[in-house]
């Protein structure tokens, strides 16, 4: 009960502009024994890069008026920490043995009208660029995009990459019920391919399954989020979007959701049920082979899960992810060291060298 009261107090204070450094839980868990900076693999220094870390800016949320608190402070632990207080965040990163966070903002504006969403995105991208410029050795970021208006998203992405120094864009798993494979998004994917911009897919859940996912266990997130990622990636594969944009660089959060765990079923579907497949879409390779051109964060918790993911997609496609400040995994670096199936070179790649190359981050 005390933790709950502290969280509610922190949430309310944050919504009114007061920054609390911690609700207590995160500090306690971050102080558990674990590796600290600098990180070395077999005696060689590695720059650890967490591609899955979140933040919020009050200036953007303020545009929502009375809806701001609900959009930016969900009732989960760590939410208040998304409003970054730099010294506190750096301390947390040091405790996680994370050299650099690549920040992103989960899209809460897809259902807003064009002009309001554009204002939110503009503020967020400016603030992200400002924050990264203040600590370029510790922070990078994925831009926000007004994906419900693809013409604006194209402009926003170009500005983010060419003028603001951002590394790509964070996108949801679907936009107002429209899948990313829809042709309306082709101009955005073409621009991302042209710019070499990375797209970080972070799910928002599957509200259409709300009734079945109700009850104990927070199933809307526990099951709904990884399901949405599996659906989004499957549409990109089966609708031929990844054939159309073979240079598209995509990172899927939470290890790609459920898809890599049962990916081989995808290779058999159209053979067993051809009526459910479009004869006009002829893929250039087996569905599972597309996974080897995508990237996946390491937020799947256990060494065996990491071993299986690497067996399915290749260790070269895995990058470090924590979901900070939400306390899913406060020692992500330790998880990689615990995965004995990886060689030292593979561990170094997952910890940072793959992300550095993908995102063009100096090491």
Protein backbone atom coordinates (compact mmCIF):
# COMPACT_ATOMS: atom_id res chain seq x y z
CA UNK A 1 0.00 0.00 0.00
CA UNK A 2 2.84 2.38 0.79
CA UNK A 3 4.39 1.86 -2.65
CA UNK A 4 1.04 2.50 -4.32
CA UNK A 5 0.52 5.71 -2.33
CA UNK A 6 4.02 6.90 -3.19
CA UNK A 7 3.42 6.22 -6.87
CA UNK A 8 0.15 8.11 -6.90
CA UNK A 9 1.80 11.03 -5.11
CA UNK A 10 4.68 11.01 -7.58
CA UNK A 11 2.30 10.78 -10.55
CA UNK A 12 0.18 13.68 -9.33
CA UNK A 13 3.21 15.82 -8.59
CA UNK A 14 4.77 15.08 -11.98
CA UNK A 15 1.56 16.03 -13.72
CA UNK A 16 1.66 19.40 -11.97
CA UNK A 17 5.26 20.07 -12.90
CA UNK A 18 7.16 18.75 -9.86
CA UNK A 19 9.87 16.21 -10.61
CA UNK A 20 10.44 13.36 -8.16
CA UNK A 21 13.71 11.51 -8.67
CA UNK A 22 12.21 8.17 -7.68
CA UNK A 23 9.24 6.46 -6.10
CA UNK A 24 11.71 4.28 -4.23
CA UNK A 25 11.25 1.05 -6.16
CA UNK A 26 13.59 1.89 -9.01
CA UNK A 27 16.40 3.07 -6.78
CA UNK A 28 16.14 -0.09 -4.69
CA UNK A 29 16.26 -2.41 -7.65
CA UNK A 30 18.96 -0.43 -9.44
CA UNK A 31 21.15 -0.82 -6.38
CA UNK A 32 21.06 -4.61 -6.57
CA UNK A 33 24.48 -6.07 -7.42
CA UNK A 34 25.32 -5.92 -11.09
CA UNK A 35 27.90 -4.72 -13.55
CA UNK A 36 28.80 -1.06 -13.61
CA UNK A 37 30.55 1.11 -16.14
CA UNK A 38 32.89 0.66 -17.88
CA UNK A 39 31.87 -2.67 -19.42
CA UNK A 40 34.46 -4.97 -20.92
CA UNK A 41 34.13 -8.28 -22.73
CA UNK A 42 37.21 -10.45 -22.45
CA UNK A 43 39.21 -7.39 -21.44
CA UNK A 44 38.01 -5.22 -24.33
CA UNK A 45 35.95 -2.10 -23.56
CA UNK A 46 32.45 -2.10 -25.04
CA UNK A 47 30.17 0.93 -25.35
CA UNK A 48 26.80 -0.38 -24.18
CA UNK A 49 23.82 1.06 -26.07
CA UNK A 50 20.25 0.56 -24.85
CA UNK A 51 17.97 1.06 -27.86
CA UNK A 52 14.78 0.76 -25.82
CA UNK A 53 14.45 3.56 -23.26
CA UNK A 54 11.58 5.98 -22.83
CA UNK A 55 10.92 9.59 -21.94
CA UNK A 56 8.19 12.22 -21.98
CA UNK A 57 8.09 16.01 -22.15
CA UNK A 58 5.49 17.99 -20.25
CA UNK A 59 5.42 20.68 -22.92
CA UNK A 60 4.05 18.18 -25.44
CA UNK A 61 1.54 16.64 -23.05
CA UNK A 62 0.27 20.06 -22.04
CA UNK A 63 -1.27 20.37 -25.49
CA UNK A 64 -3.73 17.65 -24.52
CA UNK A 65 -5.13 19.68 -21.64
CA UNK A 66 -7.12 17.49 -19.26
CA UNK A 67 -5.97 14.33 -21.08
CA UNK A 68 -2.28 14.98 -20.44
CA UNK A 69 -1.90 12.93 -17.27
CA UNK A 70 -3.59 9.85 -18.70
CA UNK A 71 -1.49 9.99 -21.87
CA UNK A 72 1.88 10.56 -20.23
CA UNK A 73 1.52 8.94 -16.82
CA UNK A 74 0.00 5.49 -17.16
CA UNK A 75 -0.64 3.72 -13.82
CA UNK A 76 2.54 1.67 -13.94
CA UNK A 77 5.72 1.73 -11.90
CA UNK A 78 8.42 3.97 -13.28
CA UNK A 79 6.04 6.26 -15.19
CA UNK A 80 7.07 9.40 -13.32
CA UNK A 81 10.71 8.68 -14.20
CA UNK A 82 9.91 9.16 -17.90
CA UNK A 83 10.12 12.90 -17.27
CA UNK A 84 13.89 12.90 -17.32
CA UNK A 85 15.87 14.64 -14.63
CA UNK A 86 19.30 14.29 -16.19
CA UNK A 87 21.45 13.63 -13.14
CA UNK A 88 19.02 11.05 -11.83
CA UNK A 89 18.75 9.32 -15.22
CA UNK A 90 22.53 9.21 -15.63
CA UNK A 91 22.84 7.69 -12.19
CA UNK A 92 20.33 5.01 -13.16
CA UNK A 93 22.20 4.33 -16.42
CA UNK A 94 25.46 3.97 -14.52
CA UNK A 95 23.74 1.47 -12.24
CA UNK A 96 22.58 -0.49 -15.26
CA UNK A 97 26.03 -0.38 -16.89
CA UNK A 98 24.48 1.48 -19.84
CA UNK A 99 26.70 4.00 -21.61
CA UNK A 100 24.01 5.37 -23.93
CA UNK A 101 20.23 5.32 -24.11
CA UNK A 102 18.41 5.73 -27.41
CA UNK A 103 15.27 7.50 -26.22
CA UNK A 104 11.80 7.14 -27.66
CA UNK A 105 8.25 8.20 -26.86
CA UNK A 106 5.38 5.76 -27.21
CA UNK A 107 2.86 7.34 -29.60
CA UNK A 108 -0.15 8.73 -27.75
CA UNK A 109 -1.09 11.10 -30.58
CA UNK A 110 -2.18 8.77 -33.41
CA UNK A 111 -5.84 9.33 -32.56
CA UNK A 112 -5.53 13.12 -32.46
CA UNK A 113 -6.32 15.45 -35.32
CA UNK A 114 -3.61 16.35 -37.79
CA UNK A 115 -2.75 19.80 -36.50
CA UNK A 116 -2.64 18.85 -32.82
CA UNK A 117 -0.56 15.74 -33.53
CA UNK A 118 1.84 17.81 -35.61
CA UNK A 119 2.31 20.26 -32.73
CA UNK A 120 2.97 17.42 -30.29
CA UNK A 121 5.51 15.81 -32.61
CA UNK A 122 7.25 19.11 -33.32
CA UNK A 123 7.78 19.84 -29.62
CA UNK A 124 8.90 16.31 -28.87
CA UNK A 125 11.46 16.15 -31.65
CA UNK A 126 12.87 19.54 -30.71
CA UNK A 127 13.13 18.50 -27.07
CA UNK A 128 14.70 15.16 -27.96
CA UNK A 129 17.29 16.90 -30.12
CA UNK A 130 18.02 19.40 -27.36
CA UNK A 131 18.44 16.69 -24.74
CA UNK A 132 20.72 14.61 -26.94
CA UNK A 133 22.84 17.64 -27.81
CA UNK A 134 23.29 18.37 -24.10
CA UNK A 135 24.78 14.90 -23.45
CA UNK A 136 25.80 13.49 -26.84
CA UNK A 137 27.90 10.74 -25.29
CA UNK A 138 24.95 9.45 -23.19
CA UNK A 139 21.79 10.05 -25.22
CA UNK A 140 20.55 9.51 -28.76
CA UNK A 141 16.91 9.37 -29.82
CA UNK A 142 14.26 8.16 -32.21
CA UNK A 143 11.98 10.89 -33.55
CA UNK A 144 8.22 10.97 -33.18
CA UNK A 145 6.12 10.97 -36.38
CA UNK A 146 2.58 12.04 -37.22
CA UNK A 147 1.95 8.74 -38.98
CA UNK A 148 -1.80 9.32 -39.30
CA UNK A 149 -0.76 12.03 -41.78
CA UNK A 150 1.99 10.32 -43.85
CA UNK A 151 2.81 13.49 -45.81
CA UNK A 152 3.69 15.23 -42.53
CA UNK A 153 5.57 12.17 -41.30
CA UNK A 154 7.84 12.30 -44.36
CA UNK A 155 8.74 15.92 -43.62
CA UNK A 156 9.20 15.23 -39.91
CA UNK A 157 11.51 12.31 -40.58
CA UNK A 158 13.67 14.29 -42.99
CA UNK A 159 13.97 17.14 -40.51
CA UNK A 160 14.76 14.73 -37.68
CA UNK A 161 17.59 13.05 -39.54
CA UNK A 162 19.09 15.92 -41.51
CA UNK A 163 18.67 18.82 -39.09
CA UNK A 164 18.04 17.48 -35.59
CA UNK A 165 20.55 14.64 -35.50
CA UNK A 166 18.02 11.99 -34.47
CA UNK A 167 18.63 8.37 -35.43
CA UNK A 168 15.33 7.32 -36.92
CA UNK A 169 11.77 7.14 -35.65
CA UNK A 170 9.80 5.30 -32.99
CA UNK A 171 6.47 4.05 -34.27
CA UNK A 172 3.60 2.06 -32.77
CA UNK A 173 2.36 -1.26 -34.10
CA UNK A 174 -0.64 0.09 -36.01
CA UNK A 175 -2.14 3.52 -36.75
CA UNK A 176 -5.87 3.90 -36.07
CA UNK A 177 -6.43 0.33 -37.22
CA UNK A 178 -4.39 0.72 -40.41
CA UNK A 179 -1.47 -1.69 -40.76
CA UNK A 180 1.99 -0.46 -41.73
CA UNK A 181 1.77 -2.56 -44.90
CA UNK A 182 -0.95 -0.24 -46.24
CA UNK A 183 0.21 1.70 -49.34
CA UNK A 184 -0.61 5.01 -47.61
CA UNK A 185 2.59 4.54 -45.59
CA UNK A 186 4.84 3.77 -48.56
CA UNK A 187 6.14 7.37 -48.81
CA UNK A 188 7.27 7.20 -45.17
CA UNK A 189 9.06 3.88 -45.62
CA UNK A 190 10.63 5.14 -48.85
CA UNK A 191 11.96 8.21 -47.04
CA UNK A 192 13.28 6.07 -44.17
CA UNK A 193 15.03 3.81 -46.65
CA UNK A 194 16.48 6.80 -48.49
CA UNK A 195 17.78 8.38 -45.28
CA UNK A 196 19.00 5.15 -43.72
CA UNK A 197 16.73 5.96 -40.77
CA UNK A 198 15.96 3.18 -38.30
CA UNK A 199 12.33 2.48 -37.40
CA UNK A 200 11.79 1.25 -33.85
CA UNK A 201 8.45 -0.57 -33.57
CA UNK A 202 6.99 -0.41 -30.08
CA UNK A 203 3.50 -1.91 -29.62
CA UNK A 204 0.60 -0.17 -27.95
CA UNK A 205 -1.50 -3.27 -27.28
CA UNK A 206 -4.55 -4.79 -28.97
CA UNK A 207 -7.59 -2.96 -27.54
CA UNK A 208 -9.94 -4.84 -29.87
CA UNK A 209 -9.25 -7.87 -27.64
CA UNK A 210 -10.02 -5.91 -24.49
CA UNK A 211 -12.77 -8.21 -23.27
CA UNK A 212 -10.70 -11.37 -23.60
CA UNK A 213 -7.63 -9.73 -22.10
CA UNK A 214 -9.46 -8.37 -19.07
CA UNK A 215 -8.97 -9.89 -15.63
CA UNK A 216 -5.87 -10.68 -13.63
CA UNK A 217 -2.35 -10.55 -15.05
CA UNK A 218 -2.37 -7.25 -16.97
CA UNK A 219 -2.94 -9.33 -20.11
CA UNK A 220 -3.49 -6.24 -22.25
CA UNK A 221 0.24 -5.69 -21.94
CA UNK A 222 1.54 -9.15 -21.03
CA UNK A 223 -0.05 -10.74 -24.10
CA UNK A 224 -1.47 -7.81 -26.05
CA UNK A 225 1.79 -5.95 -26.65
CA UNK A 226 3.87 -8.85 -28.01
CA UNK A 227 0.87 -9.97 -30.05
CA UNK A 228 0.61 -6.57 -31.71
CA UNK A 229 4.28 -6.68 -32.69
CA UNK A 230 3.84 -10.16 -34.16
CA UNK A 231 0.88 -8.91 -36.20
CA UNK A 232 2.72 -5.79 -37.42
CA UNK A 233 5.80 -7.72 -38.51
CA UNK A 234 3.72 -10.44 -40.17
CA UNK A 235 1.86 -7.88 -42.28
CA UNK A 236 5.14 -6.28 -43.35
CA UNK A 237 6.35 -9.70 -44.43
CA UNK A 238 3.26 -11.26 -46.02
CA UNK A 239 2.04 -8.12 -47.80
CA UNK A 240 5.41 -7.76 -49.53
CA UNK A 241 6.32 -4.47 -47.83
CA UNK A 242 9.81 -5.68 -46.95
CA UNK A 243 10.29 -6.78 -50.57
CA UNK A 244 9.23 -3.34 -51.76
CA UNK A 245 11.62 -1.65 -49.30
CA UNK A 246 14.49 -4.13 -48.89
CA UNK A 247 16.76 -1.51 -47.33
CA UNK A 248 14.34 -0.64 -44.54
CA UNK A 249 15.97 -0.87 -41.11
CA UNK A 250 13.54 -2.05 -38.45
CA UNK A 251 14.06 -2.83 -34.75
CA UNK A 252 11.21 -4.68 -33.03
CA UNK A 253 10.77 -4.14 -29.30
CA UNK A 254 10.46 -6.99 -26.77
CA UNK A 255 12.40 -9.43 -28.93
CA UNK A 256 9.87 -9.12 -31.75
CA UNK A 257 6.94 -10.21 -29.63
CA UNK A 258 5.61 -13.70 -30.25
CA UNK A 259 6.67 -14.02 -33.89
CA UNK A 260 10.24 -15.35 -33.45
CA UNK A 261 8.99 -17.95 -30.96
CA UNK A 262 6.87 -19.69 -33.58
CA UNK A 263 8.11 -18.18 -36.82
CA UNK A 264 8.40 -21.44 -38.75
CA UNK A 265 4.61 -21.76 -38.83
CA UNK A 266 4.66 -18.80 -41.21
CA UNK A 267 6.56 -20.84 -43.80
CA UNK A 268 3.75 -23.42 -43.97
CA UNK A 269 0.63 -21.26 -43.83
CA UNK A 270 0.05 -20.56 -47.52
CA UNK A 271 0.79 -24.17 -48.46
CA UNK A 272 -1.81 -25.48 -46.04
CA UNK A 273 -4.41 -22.74 -46.54
CA UNK A 274 -3.92 -21.11 -49.95
CA UNK A 275 -7.38 -19.57 -49.78
CA UNK A 276 -6.10 -17.32 -47.00
CA UNK A 277 -3.20 -16.04 -49.12
CA UNK A 278 -3.15 -13.54 -51.98
CA UNK A 279 -1.92 -15.21 -55.20
CA UNK A 280 -0.91 -11.79 -56.53
CA UNK A 281 1.67 -11.36 -53.75
CA UNK A 282 4.68 -13.54 -54.46
CA UNK A 283 7.31 -13.17 -51.79
CA UNK A 284 10.96 -13.24 -52.81
CA UNK A 285 11.90 -15.60 -49.99
CA UNK A 286 10.44 -17.68 -47.18
CA UNK A 287 8.67 -15.66 -44.47
CA UNK A 288 11.16 -16.71 -41.81
CA UNK A 289 14.06 -15.42 -43.89
CA UNK A 290 12.80 -11.85 -43.55
CA UNK A 291 13.46 -12.04 -39.81
CA UNK A 292 17.15 -12.17 -40.60
CA UNK A 293 17.01 -8.65 -42.04
CA UNK A 294 15.15 -7.21 -39.03
CA UNK A 295 16.58 -6.34 -35.62
CA UNK A 296 15.21 -7.28 -32.21
CA UNK A 297 15.89 -5.92 -28.76
CA UNK A 298 17.04 -8.24 -25.97
CA UNK A 299 14.11 -7.62 -23.62
CA UNK A 300 13.01 -11.25 -23.33
CA UNK A 301 14.51 -11.79 -19.89
CA UNK A 302 16.14 -15.23 -19.82
CA UNK A 303 19.27 -16.78 -21.39
CA UNK A 304 17.26 -19.57 -23.02
CA UNK A 305 14.93 -17.07 -24.66
CA UNK A 306 17.94 -15.15 -26.00
CA UNK A 307 19.50 -18.37 -27.26
CA UNK A 308 16.31 -19.25 -29.13
CA UNK A 309 15.94 -15.76 -30.59
CA UNK A 310 19.51 -15.89 -31.87
CA UNK A 311 18.90 -19.34 -33.36
CA UNK A 312 15.92 -17.96 -35.26
CA UNK A 313 17.20 -14.58 -36.44
CA UNK A 314 20.97 -14.62 -35.86
CA UNK A 315 22.84 -13.02 -32.98
CA UNK A 316 23.88 -10.24 -35.38
CA UNK A 317 20.25 -9.03 -35.32
CA UNK A 318 19.92 -8.58 -31.55
CA UNK A 319 20.52 -5.29 -29.75
CA UNK A 320 20.34 -4.32 -26.10
CA UNK A 321 16.99 -3.15 -24.70
CA UNK A 322 15.65 -2.46 -21.20
CA UNK A 323 12.34 -0.49 -21.50
CA UNK A 324 13.65 1.90 -18.82
CA UNK A 325 12.25 3.61 -16.75
CA UNK A 326 9.59 0.91 -16.58
CA UNK A 327 11.17 -1.75 -14.35
CA UNK A 328 10.95 -4.75 -16.64
CA UNK A 329 14.70 -5.26 -16.63
CA UNK A 330 16.98 -3.00 -14.62
CA UNK A 331 20.16 -4.96 -15.36
CA UNK A 332 19.96 -5.65 -19.10
CA UNK A 333 23.73 -5.89 -19.53
CA UNK A 334 23.96 -8.66 -16.95
CA UNK A 335 21.39 -10.67 -18.92
CA UNK A 336 23.67 -10.74 -21.93
CA UNK A 337 26.65 -11.89 -19.89
CA UNK A 338 24.46 -14.63 -18.39
CA UNK A 339 23.68 -16.02 -21.84
CA UNK A 340 26.43 -18.61 -22.08
CA UNK A 341 25.34 -19.61 -25.59
CA UNK A 342 26.93 -16.41 -26.93
CA UNK A 343 30.61 -16.04 -27.74
CA UNK A 344 32.49 -12.99 -26.48
CA UNK A 345 32.23 -11.39 -29.90
CA UNK A 346 28.47 -11.99 -29.97
CA UNK A 347 28.06 -10.51 -26.50
CA UNK A 348 30.00 -7.40 -27.50
CA UNK A 349 27.85 -7.05 -30.62
CA UNK A 350 24.58 -7.32 -28.70
CA UNK A 351 25.78 -4.98 -25.96
CA UNK A 352 26.63 -2.18 -28.34
CA UNK A 353 28.65 -2.67 -31.49
CA UNK A 354 25.67 -3.74 -33.63
CA UNK A 355 23.57 -0.77 -32.48
CA UNK A 356 26.49 1.61 -32.96
CA UNK A 357 26.88 0.53 -36.57
CA UNK A 358 23.13 0.49 -37.27
CA UNK A 359 22.53 3.92 -35.72
CA UNK A 360 25.85 5.46 -36.78
CA UNK A 361 26.94 6.15 -33.20
CA UNK A 362 30.65 6.76 -32.61
CA UNK A 363 32.29 4.25 -30.29
